[in-house]
Amino acid sequence: DLHETVYMRQPEGFIDERYPKKVLKLHKSIYGLKQSGREWNKLLNEVLQKIGFSSCPSEPCVYTRNSGKSKNLVVV
């Protein structure tokens, strides 16, 4: 979910002929939006932590989890 108000023009091919200058208010991130990468990373971080991974302090894009005799790594 977006934490700020973002508006966009109607996408090409979906323009309502009655209101060609109508704008849309976004409720979620979409491809191409500046905030999308950060929102995706926050969601991924939350999911990985829920299933037991922890982020490496010196390299935040590396997640580790010890499970029994093995060590799992996720590199983003």
PDB file of N, CA and C in Angstrom:
ATOM      1  N   ASP A   1       0.832  -1.189   0.000  1.00  0.00           N
ATOM      2  CA  ASP A   1       0.000   0.000   0.000  1.00  0.00           C
ATOM      3  C   ASP A   1       0.870   1.243   0.000  1.00  0.00           C
ATOM      4  N   LEU A   2       0.400   2.270  -0.674  1.00  0.00           N
ATOM      5  CA  LEU A   2       1.136   3.528  -0.722  1.00  0.00           C
ATOM      6  C   LEU A   2       0.889   4.319   0.553  1.00  0.00           C
ATOM      7  N   HIS A   3       1.904   5.030   0.991  1.00  0.00           N
ATOM      8  CA  HIS A   3       1.785   5.829   2.206  1.00  0.00           C
ATOM      9  C   HIS A   3       1.679   7.313   1.884  1.00  0.00           C
ATOM     10  N   GLU A   4       1.446   7.622   0.637  1.00  0.00           N
ATOM     11  CA  GLU A   4       1.259   8.999   0.212  1.00  0.00           C
ATOM     12  C   GLU A   4       0.242   9.014  -0.918  1.00  0.00           C
ATOM     13  N   THR A   5      -0.305  10.171  -1.211  1.00  0.00           N
ATOM     14  CA  THR A   5      -1.313  10.292  -2.255  1.00  0.00           C
ATOM     15  C   THR A   5      -0.628  10.423  -3.611  1.00  0.00           C
ATOM     16  N   VAL A   6      -1.000   9.548  -4.540  1.00  0.00           N
ATOM     17  CA  VAL A   6      -0.422   9.568  -5.890  1.00  0.00           C
ATOM     18  C   VAL A   6      -1.565   9.495  -6.900  1.00  0.00           C
ATOM     19  N   TYR A   7      -1.535  10.400  -7.874  1.00  0.00           N
ATOM     20  CA  TYR A   7      -2.521  10.409  -8.950  1.00  0.00           C
ATOM     21  C   TYR A   7      -1.815  10.129 -10.267  1.00  0.00           C
ATOM     22  N   MET A   8      -2.552   9.564 -11.224  1.00  0.00           N
ATOM     23  CA  MET A   8      -1.991   9.319 -12.554  1.00  0.00           C
ATOM     24  C   MET A   8      -3.055   9.535 -13.618  1.00  0.00           C
ATOM     25  N   ARG A   9      -2.590   9.782 -14.831  1.00  0.00           N
ATOM     26  CA  ARG A   9      -3.521   9.869 -15.960  1.00  0.00           C
ATOM     27  C   ARG A   9      -4.056   8.478 -16.267  1.00  0.00           C
ATOM     28  N   GLN A  10      -5.179   8.432 -16.958  1.00  0.00           N
ATOM     29  CA  GLN A  10      -5.735   7.147 -17.379  1.00  0.00           C
ATOM     30  C   GLN A  10      -4.758   6.479 -18.342  1.00  0.00           C
ATOM     31  N   PRO A  11      -4.520   5.175 -18.173  1.00  0.00           N
ATOM     32  CA  PRO A  11      -3.609   4.489 -19.088  1.00  0.00           C
ATOM     33  C   PRO A  11      -4.175   4.432 -20.506  1.00  0.00           C
ATOM     34  N   GLU A  12      -3.287   4.484 -21.483  1.00  0.00           N
ATOM     35  CA  GLU A  12      -3.690   4.389 -22.881  1.00  0.00           C
ATOM     36  C   GLU A  12      -4.445   3.076 -23.096  1.00  0.00           C
ATOM     37  N   GLY A  13      -5.567   3.149 -23.770  1.00  0.00           N
ATOM     38  CA  GLY A  13      -6.373   1.958 -24.007  1.00  0.00           C
ATOM     39  C   GLY A  13      -7.492   1.792 -22.987  1.00  0.00           C
ATOM     40  N   PHE A  14      -7.421   2.518 -21.893  1.00  0.00           N
ATOM     41  CA  PHE A  14      -8.456   2.439 -20.856  1.00  0.00           C
ATOM     42  C   PHE A  14      -9.121   3.788 -20.633  1.00  0.00           C
ATOM     43  N   ILE A  15      -8.944   4.691 -21.555  1.00  0.00           N
ATOM     44  CA  ILE A  15      -9.465   6.046 -21.389  1.00  0.00           C
ATOM     45  C   ILE A  15     -10.981   6.041 -21.541  1.00  0.00           C
ATOM     46  N   ASP A  16     -11.655   6.626 -20.556  1.00  0.00           N
ATOM     47  CA  ASP A  16     -13.108   6.786 -20.591  1.00  0.00           C
ATOM     48  C   ASP A  16     -13.402   7.961 -21.516  1.00  0.00           C
ATOM     49  N   GLU A  17     -14.036   7.692 -22.648  1.00  0.00           N
ATOM     50  CA  GLU A  17     -14.295   8.723 -23.660  1.00  0.00           C
ATOM     51  C   GLU A  17     -15.125   9.886 -23.103  1.00  0.00           C
ATOM     52  N   ARG A  18     -15.968   9.605 -22.108  1.00  0.00           N
ATOM     53  CA  ARG A  18     -16.784  10.674 -21.520  1.00  0.00           C
ATOM     54  C   ARG A  18     -15.936  11.626 -20.694  1.00  0.00           C
ATOM     55  N   TYR A  19     -14.850  11.114 -20.116  1.00  0.00           N
ATOM     56  CA  TYR A  19     -13.982  11.916 -19.252  1.00  0.00           C
ATOM     57  C   TYR A  19     -12.522  11.690 -19.642  1.00  0.00           C
ATOM     58  N   PRO A  20     -12.101  12.171 -20.797  1.00  0.00           N
ATOM     59  CA  PRO A  20     -10.748  11.867 -21.269  1.00  0.00           C
ATOM     60  C   PRO A  20      -9.639  12.462 -20.401  1.00  0.00           C
ATOM     61  N   LYS A  21      -9.931  13.482 -19.622  1.00  0.00           N
ATOM     62  CA  LYS A  21      -8.901  14.100 -18.777  1.00  0.00           C
ATOM     63  C   LYS A  21      -8.997  13.653 -17.320  1.00  0.00           C
ATOM     64  N   LYS A  22      -9.802  12.647 -17.070  1.00  0.00           N
ATOM     65  CA  LYS A  22      -9.977  12.121 -15.716  1.00  0.00           C
ATOM     66  C   LYS A  22      -8.655  11.538 -15.210  1.00  0.00           C
ATOM     67  N   VAL A  23      -8.367  11.763 -13.930  1.00  0.00           N
ATOM     68  CA  VAL A  23      -7.168  11.178 -13.319  1.00  0.00           C
ATOM     69  C   VAL A  23      -7.587  10.113 -12.313  1.00  0.00           C
ATOM     70  N   LEU A  24      -6.664   9.221 -12.002  1.00  0.00           N
ATOM     71  CA  LEU A  24      -6.938   8.120 -11.088  1.00  0.00           C
ATOM     72  C   LEU A  24      -6.089   8.259  -9.840  1.00  0.00           C
ATOM     73  N   LYS A  25      -6.666   7.942  -8.702  1.00  0.00           N
ATOM     74  CA  LYS A  25      -5.929   7.938  -7.441  1.00  0.00           C
ATOM     75  C   LYS A  25      -5.480   6.504  -7.178  1.00  0.00           C
ATOM     76  N   LEU A  26      -4.174   6.321  -6.981  1.00  0.00           N
ATOM     77  CA  LEU A  26      -3.639   4.983  -6.759  1.00  0.00           C
ATOM     78  C   LEU A  26      -3.753   4.582  -5.295  1.00  0.00           C
ATOM     79  N   HIS A  27      -4.081   3.318  -5.071  1.00  0.00           N
ATOM     80  CA  HIS A  27      -4.138   2.764  -3.722  1.00  0.00           C
ATOM     81  C   HIS A  27      -2.975   1.815  -3.471  1.00  0.00           C
ATOM     82  N   LYS A  28      -2.373   1.320  -4.545  1.00  0.00           N
ATOM     83  CA  LYS A  28      -1.252   0.379  -4.457  1.00  0.00           C
ATOM     84  C   LYS A  28      -0.172   0.809  -5.439  1.00  0.00           C
ATOM     85  N   SER A  29       1.031   0.316  -5.215  1.00  0.00           N
ATOM     86  CA  SER A  29       2.136   0.586  -6.133  1.00  0.00           C
ATOM     87  C   SER A  29       1.901  -0.137  -7.450  1.00  0.00           C
ATOM     88  N   ILE A  30       2.363   0.468  -8.531  1.00  0.00           N
ATOM     89  CA  ILE A  30       2.301  -0.171  -9.839  1.00  0.00           C
ATOM     90  C   ILE A  30       3.665  -0.052 -10.504  1.00  0.00           C
ATOM     91  N   TYR A  31       3.895  -0.893 -11.500  1.00  0.00           N
ATOM     92  CA  TYR A  31       5.158  -0.897 -12.224  1.00  0.00           C
ATOM     93  C   TYR A  31       5.434   0.492 -12.797  1.00  0.00           C
ATOM     94  N   GLY A  32       6.652   0.962 -12.617  1.00  0.00           N
ATOM     95  CA  GLY A  32       7.053   2.249 -13.163  1.00  0.00           C
ATOM     96  C   GLY A  32       6.944   3.394 -12.182  1.00  0.00           C
ATOM     97  N   LEU A  33       6.259   3.209 -11.093  1.00  0.00           N
ATOM     98  CA  LEU A  33       6.125   4.249 -10.082  1.00  0.00           C
ATOM     99  C   LEU A  33       7.423   4.336  -9.287  1.00  0.00           C
ATOM    100  N   LYS A  34       7.876   5.537  -8.988  1.00  0.00           N
ATOM    101  CA  LYS A  34       9.141   5.703  -8.262  1.00  0.00           C
ATOM    102  C   LYS A  34       9.141   4.964  -6.929  1.00  0.00           C
ATOM    103  N   GLN A  35       8.014   4.912  -6.258  1.00  0.00           N
ATOM    104  CA  GLN A  35       7.916   4.297  -4.940  1.00  0.00           C
ATOM    105  C   GLN A  35       7.809   2.775  -4.995  1.00  0.00           C
ATOM    106  N   SER A  36       7.578   2.201  -6.154  1.00  0.00           N
ATOM    107  CA  SER A  36       7.302   0.764  -6.263  1.00  0.00           C
ATOM    108  C   SER A  36       8.423  -0.120  -5.747  1.00  0.00           C
ATOM    109  N   GLY A  37       9.656   0.209  -6.075  1.00  0.00           N
ATOM    110  CA  GLY A  37      10.789  -0.605  -5.629  1.00  0.00           C
ATOM    111  C   GLY A  37      10.900  -0.656  -4.121  1.00  0.00           C
ATOM    112  N   ARG A  38      10.737   0.481  -3.492  1.00  0.00           N
ATOM    113  CA  ARG A  38      10.814   0.542  -2.029  1.00  0.00           C
ATOM    114  C   ARG A  38       9.657  -0.213  -1.386  1.00  0.00           C
ATOM    115  N   GLU A  39       8.460  -0.070  -1.928  1.00  0.00           N
ATOM    116  CA  GLU A  39       7.299  -0.773  -1.380  1.00  0.00           C
ATOM    117  C   GLU A  39       7.473  -2.286  -1.514  1.00  0.00           C
ATOM    118  N   TRP A  40       8.005  -2.736  -2.659  1.00  0.00           N
ATOM    119  CA  TRP A  40       8.248  -4.167  -2.860  1.00  0.00           C
ATOM    120  C   TRP A  40       9.273  -4.670  -1.851  1.00  0.00           C
ATOM    121  N   ASN A  41      10.347  -3.893  -1.642  1.00  0.00           N
ATOM    122  CA  ASN A  41      11.386  -4.309  -0.708  1.00  0.00           C
ATOM    123  C   ASN A  41      10.853  -4.398   0.719  1.00  0.00           C
ATOM    124  N   LYS A  42      10.016  -3.461   1.122  1.00  0.00           N
ATOM    125  CA  LYS A  42       9.440  -3.510   2.474  1.00  0.00           C
ATOM    126  C   LYS A  42       8.574  -4.751   2.644  1.00  0.00           C
ATOM    127  N   LEU A  43       7.776  -5.087   1.630  1.00  0.00           N
ATOM    128  CA  LEU A  43       6.926  -6.277   1.695  1.00  0.00           C
ATOM    129  C   LEU A  43       7.773  -7.546   1.741  1.00  0.00           C
ATOM    130  N   LEU A  44       8.782  -7.640   0.887  1.00  0.00           N
ATOM    131  CA  LEU A  44       9.661  -8.811   0.873  1.00  0.00           C
ATOM    132  C   LEU A  44      10.358  -8.979   2.217  1.00  0.00           C
ATOM    133  N   ASN A  45      10.865  -7.893   2.778  1.00  0.00           N
ATOM    134  CA  ASN A  45      11.531  -7.933   4.076  1.00  0.00           C
ATOM    135  C   ASN A  45      10.578  -8.456   5.156  1.00  0.00           C
ATOM    136  N   GLU A  46       9.357  -7.975   5.148  1.00  0.00           N
ATOM    137  CA  GLU A  46       8.353  -8.404   6.126  1.00  0.00           C
ATOM    138  C   GLU A  46       8.059  -9.903   6.001  1.00  0.00           C
ATOM    139  N   VAL A  47       7.887 -10.376   4.774  1.00  0.00           N
ATOM    140  CA  VAL A  47       7.585 -11.794   4.543  1.00  0.00           C
ATOM    141  C   VAL A  47       8.756 -12.672   4.964  1.00  0.00           C
ATOM    142  N   LEU A  48       9.970 -12.301   4.572  1.00  0.00           N
ATOM    143  CA  LEU A  48      11.140 -13.105   4.934  1.00  0.00           C
ATOM    144  C   LEU A  48      11.335 -13.162   6.448  1.00  0.00           C
ATOM    145  N   GLN A  49      11.106 -12.051   7.129  1.00  0.00           N
ATOM    146  CA  GLN A  49      11.234 -12.056   8.589  1.00  0.00           C
ATOM    147  C   GLN A  49      10.167 -12.932   9.237  1.00  0.00           C
ATOM    148  N   LYS A  50       8.962 -12.941   8.690  1.00  0.00           N
ATOM    149  CA  LYS A  50       7.889 -13.779   9.237  1.00  0.00           C
ATOM    150  C   LYS A  50       8.218 -15.260   9.155  1.00  0.00           C
ATOM    151  N   ILE A  51       8.976 -15.661   8.139  1.00  0.00           N
ATOM    152  CA  ILE A  51       9.307 -17.081   8.000  1.00  0.00           C
ATOM    153  C   ILE A  51      10.690 -17.411   8.564  1.00  0.00           C
ATOM    154  N   GLY A  52      11.232 -16.483   9.365  1.00  0.00           N
ATOM    155  CA  GLY A  52      12.431 -16.797  10.128  1.00  0.00           C
ATOM    156  C   GLY A  52      13.761 -16.308   9.594  1.00  0.00           C
ATOM    157  N   PHE A  53      13.767 -15.560   8.510  1.00  0.00           N
ATOM    158  CA  PHE A  53      15.022 -15.020   7.987  1.00  0.00           C
ATOM    159  C   PHE A  53      15.364 -13.716   8.697  1.00  0.00           C
ATOM    160  N   SER A  54      16.652 -13.425   8.784  1.00  0.00           N
ATOM    161  CA  SER A  54      17.078 -12.129   9.312  1.00  0.00           C
ATOM    162  C   SER A  54      18.056 -11.507   8.330  1.00  0.00           C
ATOM    163  N   SER A  55      17.982 -10.195   8.235  1.00  0.00           N
ATOM    164  CA  SER A  55      18.819  -9.451   7.308  1.00  0.00           C
ATOM    165  C   SER A  55      20.220  -9.300   7.880  1.00  0.00           C
ATOM    166  N   CYS A  56      21.217  -9.445   7.037  1.00  0.00           N
ATOM    167  CA  CYS A  56      22.616  -9.299   7.446  1.00  0.00           C
ATOM    168  C   CYS A  56      22.891  -7.814   7.719  1.00  0.00           C
ATOM    169  N   PRO A  57      23.433  -7.462   8.895  1.00  0.00           N
ATOM    170  CA  PRO A  57      23.665  -6.050   9.220  1.00  0.00           C
ATOM    171  C   PRO A  57      24.610  -5.341   8.239  1.00  0.00           C
ATOM    172  N   SER A  58      25.619  -6.036   7.755  1.00  0.00           N
ATOM    173  CA  SER A  58      26.585  -5.395   6.858  1.00  0.00           C
ATOM    174  C   SER A  58      26.138  -5.406   5.395  1.00  0.00           C
ATOM    175  N   GLU A  59      25.171  -6.250   5.063  1.00  0.00           N
ATOM    176  CA  GLU A  59      24.671  -6.350   3.688  1.00  0.00           C
ATOM    177  C   GLU A  59      23.170  -6.620   3.732  1.00  0.00           C
ATOM    178  N   PRO A  60      22.345  -5.555   3.798  1.00  0.00           N
ATOM    179  CA  PRO A  60      20.901  -5.708   4.007  1.00  0.00           C
ATOM    180  C   PRO A  60      20.157  -6.513   2.940  1.00  0.00           C
ATOM    181  N   CYS A  61      20.763  -6.740   1.786  1.00  0.00           N
ATOM    182  CA  CYS A  61      20.071  -7.515   0.745  1.00  0.00           C
ATOM    183  C   CYS A  61      20.357  -9.012   0.872  1.00  0.00           C
ATOM    184  N   VAL A  62      21.076  -9.416   1.924  1.00  0.00           N
ATOM    185  CA  VAL A  62      21.349 -10.832   2.177  1.00  0.00           C
ATOM    186  C   VAL A  62      20.588 -11.248   3.434  1.00  0.00           C
ATOM    187  N   TYR A  63      19.777 -12.286   3.306  1.00  0.00           N
ATOM    188  CA  TYR A  63      18.989 -12.802   4.425  1.00  0.00           C
ATOM    189  C   TYR A  63      19.476 -14.206   4.752  1.00  0.00           C
ATOM    190  N   THR A  64      19.542 -14.513   6.045  1.00  0.00           N
ATOM    191  CA  THR A  64      19.987 -15.841   6.472  1.00  0.00           C
ATOM    192  C   THR A  64      18.972 -16.443   7.434  1.00  0.00           C
ATOM    193  N   ARG A  65      18.975 -17.794   7.466  1.00  0.00           N
ATOM    194  CA  ARG A  65      18.122 -18.514   8.414  1.00  0.00           C
ATOM    195  C   ARG A  65      18.787 -19.855   8.694  1.00  0.00           C
ATOM    196  N   ASN A  66      18.935 -20.162   9.966  1.00  0.00           N
ATOM    197  CA  ASN A  66      19.434 -21.473  10.368  1.00  0.00           C
ATOM    198  C   ASN A  66      18.239 -22.384  10.564  1.00  0.00           C
ATOM    199  N   SER A  67      18.259 -23.536   9.901  1.00  0.00           N
ATOM    200  CA  SER A  67      17.167 -24.486  10.098  1.00  0.00           C
ATOM    201  C   SER A  67      17.778 -25.872  10.257  1.00  0.00           C
ATOM    202  N   GLY A  68      17.880 -26.276  11.502  1.00  0.00           N
ATOM    203  CA  GLY A  68      18.475 -27.579  11.788  1.00  0.00           C
ATOM    204  C   GLY A  68      19.949 -27.597  11.451  1.00  0.00           C
ATOM    205  N   LYS A  69      20.327 -28.515  10.590  1.00  0.00           N
ATOM    206  CA  LYS A  69      21.731 -28.654  10.208  1.00  0.00           C
ATOM    207  C   LYS A  69      22.121 -27.772   9.024  1.00  0.00           C
ATOM    208  N   SER A  70      21.153 -27.105   8.429  1.00  0.00           N
ATOM    209  CA  SER A  70      21.463 -26.305   7.239  1.00  0.00           C
ATOM    210  C   SER A  70      21.294 -24.814   7.500  1.00  0.00           C
ATOM    211  N   LYS A  71      21.939 -24.029   6.663  1.00  0.00           N
ATOM    212  CA  LYS A  71      21.814 -22.579   6.714  1.00  0.00           C
ATOM    213  C   LYS A  71      21.258 -22.136   5.365  1.00  0.00           C
ATOM    214  N   ASN A  72      20.163 -21.388   5.395  1.00  0.00           N
ATOM    215  CA  ASN A  72      19.531 -20.911   4.170  1.00  0.00           C
ATOM    216  C   ASN A  72      19.951 -19.475   3.909  1.00  0.00           C
ATOM    217  N   LEU A  73      20.233 -19.168   2.654  1.00  0.00           N
ATOM    218  CA  LEU A  73      20.581 -17.811   2.237  1.00  0.00           C
ATOM    219  C   LEU A  73      19.622 -17.354   1.152  1.00  0.00           C
ATOM    220  N   VAL A  74      19.206 -16.105   1.251  1.00  0.00           N
ATOM    221  CA  VAL A  74      18.437 -15.468   0.185  1.00  0.00           C
ATOM    222  C   VAL A  74      19.173 -14.183  -0.144  1.00  0.00           C
ATOM    223  N   VAL A  75      19.564 -14.028  -1.401  1.00  0.00           N
ATOM    224  CA  VAL A  75      20.255 -12.817  -1.843  1.00  0.00           C
ATOM    225  C   VAL A  75      19.337 -12.094  -2.816  1.00  0.00           C
ATOM    226  N   VAL A  76      19.031 -10.853  -2.495  1.00  0.00           N
ATOM    227  CA  VAL A  76      18.109 -10.064  -3.314  1.00  0.00           C
ATOM    228  C   VAL A  76      18.899  -9.084  -4.155  1.00  0.00           C
TER     229      VAL A  76
END
